[in-house]
């Protein structure tokens, strides 16, 4: 799931070093500092404002058109 969301970000010009995976603090993955993908390591950032079951990738500030992608939990309406 992470790599599916990450691929378009990398292809659009985002650098892997500037991307983090934001997750609920109660998620199992929140106990890790990073996770390896085929594109490289992604930093894990637990965030108390993220509900359980949600996660997203976001690029660090500083680039016009900052990268963002839902990884899980988002359903378009």
N, C-alpha and C. Protein backbone atom coordinates (compact mmCIF):
# COMPACT_ATOMS: atom_id res chain seq x y z
N UNK A 1 0.82 -1.19 0.00
CA UNK A 1 0.00 0.00 0.00
C UNK A 1 0.86 1.26 0.00
N UNK A 2 1.92 1.25 0.79
CA UNK A 2 2.79 2.42 0.86
C UNK A 2 3.43 2.68 -0.49
N UNK A 3 3.96 1.63 -1.11
CA UNK A 3 4.64 1.80 -2.40
C UNK A 3 3.68 2.24 -3.50
N UNK A 4 2.43 1.81 -3.45
CA UNK A 4 1.45 2.23 -4.44
C UNK A 4 1.19 3.73 -4.36
N UNK A 5 1.15 4.26 -3.16
CA UNK A 5 0.94 5.70 -2.97
C UNK A 5 2.22 6.49 -3.21
N UNK A 6 3.34 5.87 -2.92
CA UNK A 6 4.64 6.54 -3.03
C UNK A 6 5.11 6.70 -4.48
N UNK A 7 4.83 5.72 -5.32
CA UNK A 7 5.29 5.75 -6.71
C UNK A 7 4.96 7.03 -7.45
N UNK A 8 3.69 7.46 -7.46
CA UNK A 8 3.36 8.71 -8.16
C UNK A 8 4.07 9.94 -7.59
N UNK A 9 4.30 9.97 -6.28
CA UNK A 9 5.02 11.09 -5.69
C UNK A 9 6.46 11.15 -6.19
N UNK A 10 7.12 10.00 -6.23
CA UNK A 10 8.50 9.94 -6.70
C UNK A 10 8.57 10.33 -8.17
N UNK A 11 7.65 9.82 -8.97
CA UNK A 11 7.63 10.15 -10.40
C UNK A 11 7.33 11.63 -10.67
N UNK A 12 6.64 12.29 -9.74
CA UNK A 12 6.34 13.71 -9.92
C UNK A 12 7.48 14.62 -9.46
N UNK A 13 8.55 14.03 -8.94
CA UNK A 13 9.72 14.83 -8.57
C UNK A 13 10.01 14.93 -7.09
N UNK A 14 9.20 14.33 -6.25
CA UNK A 14 9.48 14.34 -4.81
C UNK A 14 10.68 13.44 -4.52
N UNK A 15 11.52 13.88 -3.60
CA UNK A 15 12.67 13.07 -3.20
C UNK A 15 12.30 12.25 -1.97
N UNK A 16 12.71 11.00 -1.96
CA UNK A 16 12.37 10.07 -0.88
C UNK A 16 12.81 10.60 0.49
N UNK A 17 13.92 11.34 0.53
CA UNK A 17 14.44 11.86 1.80
C UNK A 17 13.53 12.92 2.39
N UNK A 18 12.65 13.49 1.59
CA UNK A 18 11.78 14.58 2.04
C UNK A 18 10.34 14.12 2.31
N UNK A 19 10.11 12.81 2.27
CA UNK A 19 8.75 12.29 2.45
C UNK A 19 8.66 11.54 3.77
N UNK A 20 7.53 11.72 4.46
CA UNK A 20 7.28 10.97 5.70
C UNK A 20 5.89 10.34 5.67
N UNK A 21 5.76 9.24 6.36
CA UNK A 21 4.48 8.54 6.50
C UNK A 21 3.89 8.95 7.84
N UNK A 22 2.74 9.60 7.82
CA UNK A 22 2.08 10.07 9.04
C UNK A 22 1.01 9.05 9.41
N UNK A 23 1.06 8.58 10.67
CA UNK A 23 0.17 7.51 11.13
C UNK A 23 -0.39 7.84 12.52
N UNK A 24 -1.41 7.12 12.91
CA UNK A 24 -1.97 7.20 14.25
C UNK A 24 -0.93 6.68 15.26
N UNK A 25 -0.78 7.33 16.42
CA UNK A 25 0.20 6.85 17.41
C UNK A 25 -0.07 5.42 17.88
N UNK A 26 -1.31 4.95 17.80
CA UNK A 26 -1.64 3.61 18.24
C UNK A 26 -1.41 2.53 17.20
N UNK A 27 -1.02 2.93 16.00
CA UNK A 27 -0.78 1.95 14.93
C UNK A 27 0.50 1.17 15.20
N UNK A 28 0.51 -0.08 14.80
CA UNK A 28 1.68 -0.93 15.02
C UNK A 28 2.93 -0.34 14.36
N UNK A 29 2.79 0.23 13.19
CA UNK A 29 3.94 0.78 12.45
C UNK A 29 4.52 2.01 13.16
N UNK A 30 3.75 2.64 14.04
CA UNK A 30 4.21 3.83 14.76
C UNK A 30 5.38 3.54 15.70
N UNK A 31 5.61 2.27 16.01
CA UNK A 31 6.72 1.91 16.90
C UNK A 31 8.06 1.92 16.16
N UNK A 32 8.04 2.08 14.85
CA UNK A 32 9.26 2.12 14.05
C UNK A 32 9.62 3.56 13.70
N UNK A 33 10.91 3.80 13.45
CA UNK A 33 11.35 5.13 13.03
C UNK A 33 11.26 5.29 11.52
N UNK A 34 11.40 4.18 10.80
CA UNK A 34 11.33 4.23 9.34
C UNK A 34 10.90 2.86 8.82
N UNK A 35 10.54 2.85 7.54
CA UNK A 35 10.17 1.61 6.88
C UNK A 35 10.85 1.61 5.51
N UNK A 36 11.35 0.44 5.11
CA UNK A 36 12.03 0.33 3.82
C UNK A 36 11.02 0.08 2.72
N UNK A 37 11.19 0.80 1.61
CA UNK A 37 10.40 0.58 0.41
C UNK A 37 11.37 0.37 -0.74
N UNK A 38 10.85 0.03 -1.91
CA UNK A 38 11.75 -0.16 -3.05
C UNK A 38 12.35 1.17 -3.52
N UNK A 39 11.79 2.28 -3.05
CA UNK A 39 12.31 3.61 -3.40
C UNK A 39 13.33 4.11 -2.39
N UNK A 40 13.39 3.46 -1.23
CA UNK A 40 14.28 3.87 -0.14
C UNK A 40 13.52 3.90 1.17
N UNK A 41 14.16 4.39 2.21
CA UNK A 41 13.53 4.45 3.53
C UNK A 41 12.61 5.65 3.66
N UNK A 42 11.48 5.42 4.31
CA UNK A 42 10.49 6.47 4.59
C UNK A 42 10.45 6.67 6.10
N UNK A 43 10.49 7.91 6.54
CA UNK A 43 10.36 8.22 7.97
C UNK A 43 8.92 8.02 8.42
N UNK A 44 8.75 7.52 9.64
CA UNK A 44 7.42 7.33 10.23
C UNK A 44 7.20 8.45 11.25
N UNK A 45 6.06 9.12 11.15
CA UNK A 45 5.73 10.20 12.09
C UNK A 45 4.36 9.93 12.71
N UNK A 46 4.33 9.50 13.97
CA UNK A 46 3.05 9.36 14.65
C UNK A 46 2.46 10.76 14.91
N UNK A 47 1.16 10.91 14.73
CA UNK A 47 0.50 12.20 14.90
C UNK A 47 -0.82 11.97 15.61
N UNK A 48 -1.00 12.61 16.75
CA UNK A 48 -2.20 12.45 17.56
C UNK A 48 -3.49 12.90 16.89
N UNK A 49 -3.37 13.68 15.81
CA UNK A 49 -4.56 14.15 15.10
C UNK A 49 -5.03 13.17 14.03
N UNK A 50 -4.23 12.14 13.77
CA UNK A 50 -4.60 11.14 12.76
C UNK A 50 -5.40 10.03 13.43
N UNK A 51 -6.59 9.76 12.92
CA UNK A 51 -7.44 8.71 13.48
C UNK A 51 -6.90 7.33 13.14
N UNK A 52 -7.22 6.37 13.99
CA UNK A 52 -6.82 4.99 13.74
C UNK A 52 -7.37 4.52 12.40
N UNK A 53 -6.52 3.86 11.62
CA UNK A 53 -6.92 3.36 10.32
C UNK A 53 -6.56 4.29 9.18
N UNK A 54 -6.13 5.52 9.50
CA UNK A 54 -5.72 6.47 8.47
C UNK A 54 -4.20 6.59 8.43
N UNK A 55 -3.66 6.84 7.26
CA UNK A 55 -2.24 7.17 7.12
C UNK A 55 -2.05 7.86 5.78
N UNK A 56 -1.05 8.71 5.72
CA UNK A 56 -0.77 9.43 4.48
C UNK A 56 0.71 9.76 4.36
N UNK A 57 1.13 9.99 3.14
CA UNK A 57 2.49 10.42 2.84
C UNK A 57 2.46 11.91 2.58
N UNK A 58 3.45 12.62 3.10
CA UNK A 58 3.52 14.05 2.85
C UNK A 58 4.98 14.46 2.73
N UNK A 59 5.22 15.35 1.80
CA UNK A 59 6.57 15.85 1.57
C UNK A 59 6.84 17.00 2.54
N UNK A 60 8.08 17.13 2.98
CA UNK A 60 8.46 18.23 3.84
C UNK A 60 8.19 19.56 3.13
N UNK A 61 7.89 20.62 3.88
CA UNK A 61 7.63 21.93 3.26
C UNK A 61 8.86 22.45 2.51
N UNK A 62 8.61 23.35 1.57
CA UNK A 62 9.71 24.02 0.89
C UNK A 62 9.69 23.88 -0.61
N UNK A 63 8.84 23.02 -1.14
CA UNK A 63 8.77 22.86 -2.59
C UNK A 63 7.38 23.26 -3.05
N UNK A 64 7.30 24.00 -4.13
CA UNK A 64 6.00 24.37 -4.68
C UNK A 64 5.30 23.09 -5.16
N UNK A 65 4.03 22.95 -4.84
CA UNK A 65 3.31 21.73 -5.20
C UNK A 65 3.69 20.57 -4.30
N UNK A 66 3.80 20.82 -3.02
CA UNK A 66 4.19 19.82 -2.02
C UNK A 66 3.44 18.50 -2.22
N UNK A 67 4.18 17.40 -2.20
CA UNK A 67 3.59 16.08 -2.44
C UNK A 67 2.73 15.58 -1.28
N UNK A 68 1.62 14.95 -1.62
CA UNK A 68 0.70 14.37 -0.64
C UNK A 68 0.00 13.19 -1.28
N UNK A 69 -0.19 12.11 -0.51
CA UNK A 69 -0.94 10.95 -1.00
C UNK A 69 -1.50 10.17 0.19
N UNK A 70 -2.77 9.77 0.09
CA UNK A 70 -3.36 8.88 1.09
C UNK A 70 -2.78 7.49 0.90
N UNK A 71 -2.48 6.82 2.02
CA UNK A 71 -2.01 5.44 1.96
C UNK A 71 -3.16 4.52 2.33
N UNK A 72 -3.87 4.81 3.41
CA UNK A 72 -4.98 3.96 3.81
C UNK A 72 -6.06 4.76 4.50
N UNK A 73 -7.26 4.23 4.44
CA UNK A 73 -8.36 4.79 5.21
C UNK A 73 -9.18 5.84 4.53
N UNK A 74 -8.70 6.47 3.48
CA UNK A 74 -9.45 7.54 2.84
C UNK A 74 -10.37 6.95 1.78
N UNK A 75 -11.62 7.38 1.80
CA UNK A 75 -12.58 6.95 0.79
C UNK A 75 -13.19 8.19 0.16
N UNK A 76 -12.97 8.37 -1.13
CA UNK A 76 -13.54 9.52 -1.84
C UNK A 76 -15.07 9.40 -1.85
N UNK A 77 -15.74 10.53 -1.74
CA UNK A 77 -17.20 10.51 -1.70
C UNK A 77 -17.79 11.23 -2.87
